[in-house]
N, C-alpha and C. Protein backbone atom coordinates (compact mmCIF):
# COMPACT_ATOMS: atom_id res chain seq x y z
N MET A 1 38.52 -32.21 102.85
CA MET A 1 37.76 -31.39 102.94
C MET A 1 37.07 -30.56 104.23
N VAL A 2 37.15 -29.89 104.37
CA VAL A 2 36.32 -29.08 105.27
C VAL A 2 35.19 -29.02 105.81
N MET A 3 34.86 -29.45 107.29
CA MET A 3 32.78 -30.07 107.28
C MET A 3 32.20 -29.02 107.03
N GLY A 4 31.80 -28.45 106.39
CA GLY A 4 31.22 -26.92 106.10
C GLY A 4 31.18 -27.26 104.37
N ASP A 5 32.50 -27.93 103.73
CA ASP A 5 32.27 -28.27 102.32
C ASP A 5 31.60 -29.48 102.68
N ARG A 6 31.64 -30.37 103.35
CA ARG A 6 31.27 -31.97 103.40
C ARG A 6 29.40 -31.47 103.44
N ALA A 7 29.17 -30.76 104.22
CA ALA A 7 27.84 -30.12 104.60
C ALA A 7 27.05 -29.66 103.24
N ARG A 8 27.56 -28.98 102.92
CA ARG A 8 27.46 -28.46 101.57
C ARG A 8 26.88 -29.35 100.14
N GLU A 9 27.96 -30.44 100.54
CA GLU A 9 27.72 -31.37 99.03
C GLU A 9 26.35 -32.38 99.79
N GLU A 10 26.36 -32.50 100.62
CA GLU A 10 24.71 -33.30 101.04
C GLU A 10 23.48 -33.03 101.11
N THR A 11 23.47 -31.52 100.98
CA THR A 11 22.75 -30.83 100.65
C THR A 11 21.87 -30.86 99.40
N PRO A 12 20.82 -31.33 99.51
CA PRO A 12 19.92 -31.57 98.43
C PRO A 12 19.86 -30.34 97.38
N PRO A 13 19.72 -30.04 96.12
CA PRO A 13 19.63 -28.82 95.73
C PRO A 13 18.40 -28.22 95.88
N PRO A 14 17.88 -26.98 95.82
CA PRO A 14 16.68 -26.23 95.93
C PRO A 14 15.85 -26.94 95.29
N GLU A 15 14.88 -26.83 95.08
CA GLU A 15 13.67 -27.28 93.84
C GLU A 15 12.84 -26.77 93.72
N PHE A 16 12.40 -26.71 92.54
CA PHE A 16 10.97 -25.88 91.86
C PHE A 16 10.27 -26.63 91.43
N ARG A 17 8.80 -26.86 91.46
CA ARG A 17 7.97 -27.71 91.22
C ARG A 17 6.95 -27.03 90.31
N ASP A 18 6.92 -27.72 89.28
CA ASP A 18 5.58 -26.90 88.65
C ASP A 18 5.39 -25.18 88.32
N LYS A 19 6.39 -24.63 88.28
CA LYS A 19 6.28 -23.41 89.01
C LYS A 19 6.54 -22.92 86.94
N THR A 20 5.82 -21.63 87.17
CA THR A 20 5.78 -21.11 85.61
C THR A 20 6.92 -20.00 85.98
N PHE A 21 7.88 -19.80 84.97
CA PHE A 21 8.59 -18.50 85.41
C PHE A 21 8.25 -18.11 83.88
N GLU A 22 7.72 -16.41 84.10
CA GLU A 22 7.41 -15.67 82.58
C GLU A 22 8.38 -14.33 82.47
N ASP A 23 8.95 -14.33 81.54
CA ASP A 23 9.70 -13.16 80.85
C ASP A 23 10.23 -12.57 82.66
N GLU A 24 11.36 -13.58 82.76
CA GLU A 24 12.45 -13.29 84.21
C GLU A 24 13.17 -13.52 84.07
N THR A 25 14.52 -13.11 84.87
CA THR A 25 15.92 -13.92 84.51
C THR A 25 16.19 -14.93 85.61
N VAL A 26 16.27 -15.68 85.22
CA VAL A 26 16.49 -16.83 85.91
C VAL A 26 18.15 -17.45 86.41
N HIS A 27 18.56 -17.19 87.20
CA HIS A 27 19.84 -17.96 87.18
C HIS A 27 19.55 -19.13 88.40
N LEU A 28 20.09 -20.40 86.85
CA LEU A 28 20.32 -21.60 86.82
C LEU A 28 20.81 -22.40 87.70
N ASP A 29 22.24 -21.97 87.91
CA ASP A 29 23.30 -22.70 89.43
C ASP A 29 22.52 -23.23 90.13
N GLY A 30 23.02 -25.11 90.53
CA GLY A 30 22.41 -25.06 91.88
C GLY A 30 21.01 -25.54 92.28
N ASN A 31 20.52 -25.39 90.98
CA ASN A 31 18.73 -25.56 91.20
C ASN A 31 18.63 -26.84 90.24
N ALA A 32 17.30 -27.21 91.04
CA ALA A 32 16.31 -28.31 90.48
C ALA A 32 15.29 -27.70 89.78
N TYR A 33 14.53 -27.91 88.58
CA TYR A 33 13.66 -27.74 88.27
C TYR A 33 12.63 -29.05 87.50
N ILE A 34 11.53 -28.76 88.25
CA ILE A 34 10.82 -30.29 88.13
C ILE A 34 9.36 -30.32 87.61
N GLY A 35 9.11 -30.19 86.42
CA GLY A 35 7.72 -29.88 85.42
C GLY A 35 7.62 -28.20 85.61
N CYS A 36 8.47 -27.81 85.56
CA CYS A 36 8.40 -26.14 85.39
C CYS A 36 8.23 -25.63 84.00
N THR A 37 7.81 -24.54 83.81
CA THR A 37 7.31 -23.98 82.59
C THR A 37 8.39 -22.44 82.56
N PHE A 38 9.30 -22.58 81.23
CA PHE A 38 9.84 -21.44 80.97
C PHE A 38 9.42 -20.39 79.80
N VAL A 39 8.71 -19.41 80.07
CA VAL A 39 8.22 -18.48 79.07
C VAL A 39 9.13 -17.49 78.68
N GLU A 40 9.52 -17.06 77.31
CA GLU A 40 10.27 -15.41 77.11
C GLU A 40 11.28 -15.29 78.30
N CYS A 41 12.20 -16.21 79.03
CA CYS A 41 12.72 -16.11 79.93
C CYS A 41 14.30 -16.13 79.71
N ARG A 42 14.93 -15.15 80.34
CA ARG A 42 16.71 -15.13 80.31
C ARG A 42 17.06 -16.40 81.09
N LEU A 43 17.72 -17.62 80.76
CA LEU A 43 18.11 -18.35 81.60
C LEU A 43 19.91 -17.84 81.57
N ILE A 44 20.33 -18.18 82.85
CA ILE A 44 21.82 -17.68 83.05
C ILE A 44 22.56 -19.01 83.99
N PHE A 45 23.21 -19.59 83.25
CA PHE A 45 24.33 -20.56 83.66
C PHE A 45 25.94 -20.22 83.98
N SER A 46 26.10 -19.91 85.12
CA SER A 46 27.79 -19.51 85.62
C SER A 46 28.39 -20.67 85.79
N GLY A 47 28.40 -21.66 85.63
CA GLY A 47 28.99 -23.04 85.98
C GLY A 47 29.45 -23.05 87.26
N LEU A 48 29.01 -22.70 88.21
CA LEU A 48 28.93 -22.83 89.81
C LEU A 48 28.49 -24.12 90.67
N GLY A 49 27.07 -24.16 89.55
CA GLY A 49 27.13 -25.68 90.67
C GLY A 49 25.51 -26.47 88.94
N ARG A 50 25.48 -27.51 89.73
CA ARG A 50 24.58 -28.41 88.74
C ARG A 50 23.44 -28.44 88.75
N VAL A 51 22.47 -28.53 87.35
CA VAL A 51 21.13 -28.22 87.15
C VAL A 51 20.91 -29.32 86.71
N ARG A 52 19.80 -29.15 87.23
CA ARG A 52 18.59 -30.27 87.01
C ARG A 52 17.30 -29.94 86.50
N PHE A 53 16.97 -30.83 84.93
CA PHE A 53 15.87 -30.25 84.66
C PHE A 53 15.16 -31.41 84.25
N VAL A 54 13.85 -31.72 85.06
CA VAL A 54 12.86 -32.98 84.38
C VAL A 54 11.73 -32.58 84.11
N VAL A 55 11.60 -32.99 83.00
CA VAL A 55 9.92 -32.97 82.35
C VAL A 55 9.85 -31.41 82.47
N CYS A 56 10.56 -30.38 82.03
CA CYS A 56 10.68 -29.20 81.82
C CYS A 56 10.15 -29.16 79.85
N ARG A 57 9.11 -27.43 80.32
CA ARG A 57 9.41 -27.27 79.04
C ARG A 57 9.30 -25.12 78.65
N PHE A 58 10.10 -25.08 77.32
CA PHE A 58 10.83 -23.98 77.67
C PHE A 58 10.44 -23.43 76.24
N ASP A 59 9.62 -22.24 76.36
CA ASP A 59 9.35 -21.44 75.21
C ASP A 59 9.53 -19.70 75.30
N GLY A 60 10.49 -19.74 73.60
CA GLY A 60 11.05 -18.55 73.39
C GLY A 60 12.57 -17.66 74.30
N CYS A 61 12.93 -18.66 75.52
CA CYS A 61 13.88 -18.20 76.30
C CYS A 61 15.16 -18.14 75.51
N ARG A 62 16.48 -17.47 75.79
CA ARG A 62 17.44 -17.36 75.69
C ARG A 62 18.48 -17.88 76.91
N GLY A 63 19.66 -18.54 76.70
CA GLY A 63 20.71 -19.16 77.45
C GLY A 63 21.64 -17.82 77.44
N GLU A 64 22.12 -17.80 78.53
CA GLU A 64 23.52 -16.89 78.54
C GLU A 64 24.37 -17.65 80.06
N MET A 65 25.74 -17.51 79.31
CA MET A 65 26.94 -17.79 80.17
C MET A 65 27.26 -16.63 80.72
N GLU A 66 27.94 -17.11 82.04
CA GLU A 66 28.56 -16.46 82.45
C GLU A 66 29.42 -16.84 83.73
N GLY A 67 30.63 -16.22 83.77
CA GLY A 67 31.96 -16.42 84.55
C GLY A 67 32.77 -17.57 84.58
N ALA A 68 32.56 -18.85 84.79
CA ALA A 68 33.66 -19.85 84.40
C ALA A 68 32.93 -20.90 83.40
N ALA A 69 31.58 -20.83 83.52
CA ALA A 69 30.92 -21.18 82.17
C ALA A 69 31.08 -20.48 80.72
N GLN A 70 31.06 -18.73 80.78
CA GLN A 70 31.47 -18.37 79.96
C GLN A 70 32.99 -18.77 79.08
N GLU A 71 33.76 -18.79 80.34
CA GLU A 71 35.45 -18.87 80.44
C GLU A 71 35.73 -20.22 79.76
N THR A 72 35.01 -21.25 79.41
CA THR A 72 34.86 -22.36 79.00
C THR A 72 34.71 -22.43 77.58
N LEU A 73 33.29 -22.07 77.57
CA LEU A 73 33.02 -21.54 75.87
C LEU A 73 34.33 -21.26 74.91
N GLY A 74 34.84 -20.07 75.79
CA GLY A 74 35.66 -19.05 74.89
C GLY A 74 37.05 -20.53 74.73
N PHE A 75 37.07 -21.22 75.90
CA PHE A 75 38.39 -21.70 75.56
C PHE A 75 38.14 -23.22 74.42
N LEU A 76 36.53 -23.32 74.23
CA LEU A 76 36.60 -24.37 73.47
C LEU A 76 36.53 -23.59 71.80
N ALA A 77 35.86 -22.53 72.20
CA ALA A 77 36.15 -21.76 70.47
C ALA A 77 37.72 -21.44 70.12
N LYS A 78 38.25 -21.63 70.87
CA LYS A 78 39.65 -21.50 70.43
C LYS A 78 40.47 -22.74 70.45
N LEU A 79 39.69 -23.94 71.03
CA LEU A 79 40.43 -25.38 70.16
C LEU A 79 39.75 -25.11 68.90
N CYS A 80 38.78 -24.86 68.68
CA CYS A 80 38.15 -25.18 67.26
C CYS A 80 38.62 -24.55 66.04
N ALA A 81 39.41 -23.60 66.36
CA ALA A 81 39.92 -22.72 65.66
C ALA A 81 41.38 -22.97 65.34
N ILE A 82 41.90 -24.50 66.25
CA ILE A 82 43.55 -24.85 66.43
C ILE A 82 43.31 -25.78 64.92
N PRO A 83 44.21 -25.42 63.99
CA PRO A 83 44.19 -26.78 62.87
C PRO A 83 44.31 -28.36 63.83
N GLY A 84 44.06 -29.18 63.23
CA GLY A 84 44.19 -30.47 63.81
C GLY A 84 43.27 -31.16 64.86
N MET A 85 42.39 -29.98 65.10
CA MET A 85 41.80 -30.33 66.41
C MET A 85 40.43 -30.64 66.43
N GLU A 86 39.81 -30.70 65.24
CA GLU A 86 38.21 -30.77 64.26
C GLU A 86 38.05 -32.60 64.86
N ASP A 87 38.95 -33.36 64.74
CA ASP A 87 38.34 -34.69 65.47
C ASP A 87 38.01 -34.65 66.86
N PHE A 88 39.19 -34.59 67.25
CA PHE A 88 38.87 -33.84 68.94
C PHE A 88 37.47 -33.24 69.21
N MET A 89 36.92 -32.16 68.62
CA MET A 89 35.71 -31.38 68.76
C MET A 89 34.60 -31.72 68.48
N GLU A 90 34.71 -32.75 67.58
CA GLU A 90 33.39 -33.15 66.72
C GLU A 90 33.31 -34.29 68.20
N LYS A 91 34.56 -34.85 68.44
CA LYS A 91 33.79 -36.28 69.70
C LYS A 91 33.28 -35.74 70.96
N THR A 92 33.80 -34.08 70.65
CA THR A 92 33.60 -33.58 72.26
C THR A 92 31.97 -33.07 72.35
N PHE A 93 31.89 -32.55 71.22
CA PHE A 93 30.06 -32.22 70.88
C PHE A 93 29.33 -33.26 70.79
N ASP A 94 29.72 -34.34 70.15
CA ASP A 94 29.11 -35.82 69.95
C ASP A 94 28.65 -36.04 71.27
N ASN A 95 29.77 -36.11 72.38
CA ASN A 95 29.46 -36.58 74.00
C ASN A 95 28.48 -35.55 74.39
N ILE A 96 28.58 -34.23 74.34
CA ILE A 96 27.72 -33.37 74.76
C ILE A 96 26.30 -33.79 74.28
N ARG A 97 26.00 -33.93 73.19
CA ARG A 97 24.84 -34.43 72.82
C ARG A 97 24.19 -35.71 72.79
N GLY A 98 25.11 -36.59 73.41
CA GLY A 98 24.97 -37.87 74.02
C GLY A 98 24.90 -38.90 72.67
N ARG A 99 26.04 -38.70 71.75
CA ARG A 99 25.97 -39.41 70.44
C ARG A 99 27.26 -40.07 71.00
N ASP A 100 28.23 -39.77 71.71
CA ASP A 100 29.48 -40.75 71.69
C ASP A 100 29.65 -40.97 73.61
N ASP A 101 29.60 -41.97 73.89
CA ASP A 101 30.34 -42.51 74.82
C ASP A 101 32.01 -42.25 75.20
N SER A 102 32.67 -42.01 74.20
CA SER A 102 34.35 -41.98 74.39
C SER A 102 34.48 -40.74 75.23
N GLU A 103 35.53 -40.83 75.70
CA GLU A 103 35.89 -39.60 76.49
C GLU A 103 37.11 -38.97 75.94
N PRO A 104 37.24 -37.75 75.22
CA PRO A 104 37.95 -37.29 74.05
C PRO A 104 39.18 -37.17 74.78
N TRP A 105 39.04 -36.18 76.01
CA TRP A 105 40.17 -35.88 76.83
C TRP A 105 40.69 -36.97 77.81
N ARG A 106 40.60 -38.17 77.50
CA ARG A 106 41.68 -38.94 77.54
C ARG A 106 42.17 -39.44 76.34
N SER A 107 43.55 -39.98 76.90
CA SER A 107 44.73 -40.54 75.90
C SER A 107 45.02 -41.46 76.08
């Protein structure tokens, strides 16, 4: 790990507190949102950094994936179409929903 990478890891994410985002495009990657309200927003996630929401409200927003996040969704869609992968995918979705602590990627 180079020094620049270490410093980047230790830097806390930018925080937005008690802010209202209305009718705008919000790039979520690498940010923390605390007590924020999103109204009629376009929420974009690219898979470039973690996102944290704490007690936020969403009204009429739509989410979009770009880049690595979109590629991941495409990969999951292809897995869903493979015969015999149904149980694996259901466990994956249960894990995403917080209903299952198993790790479907481990054998």
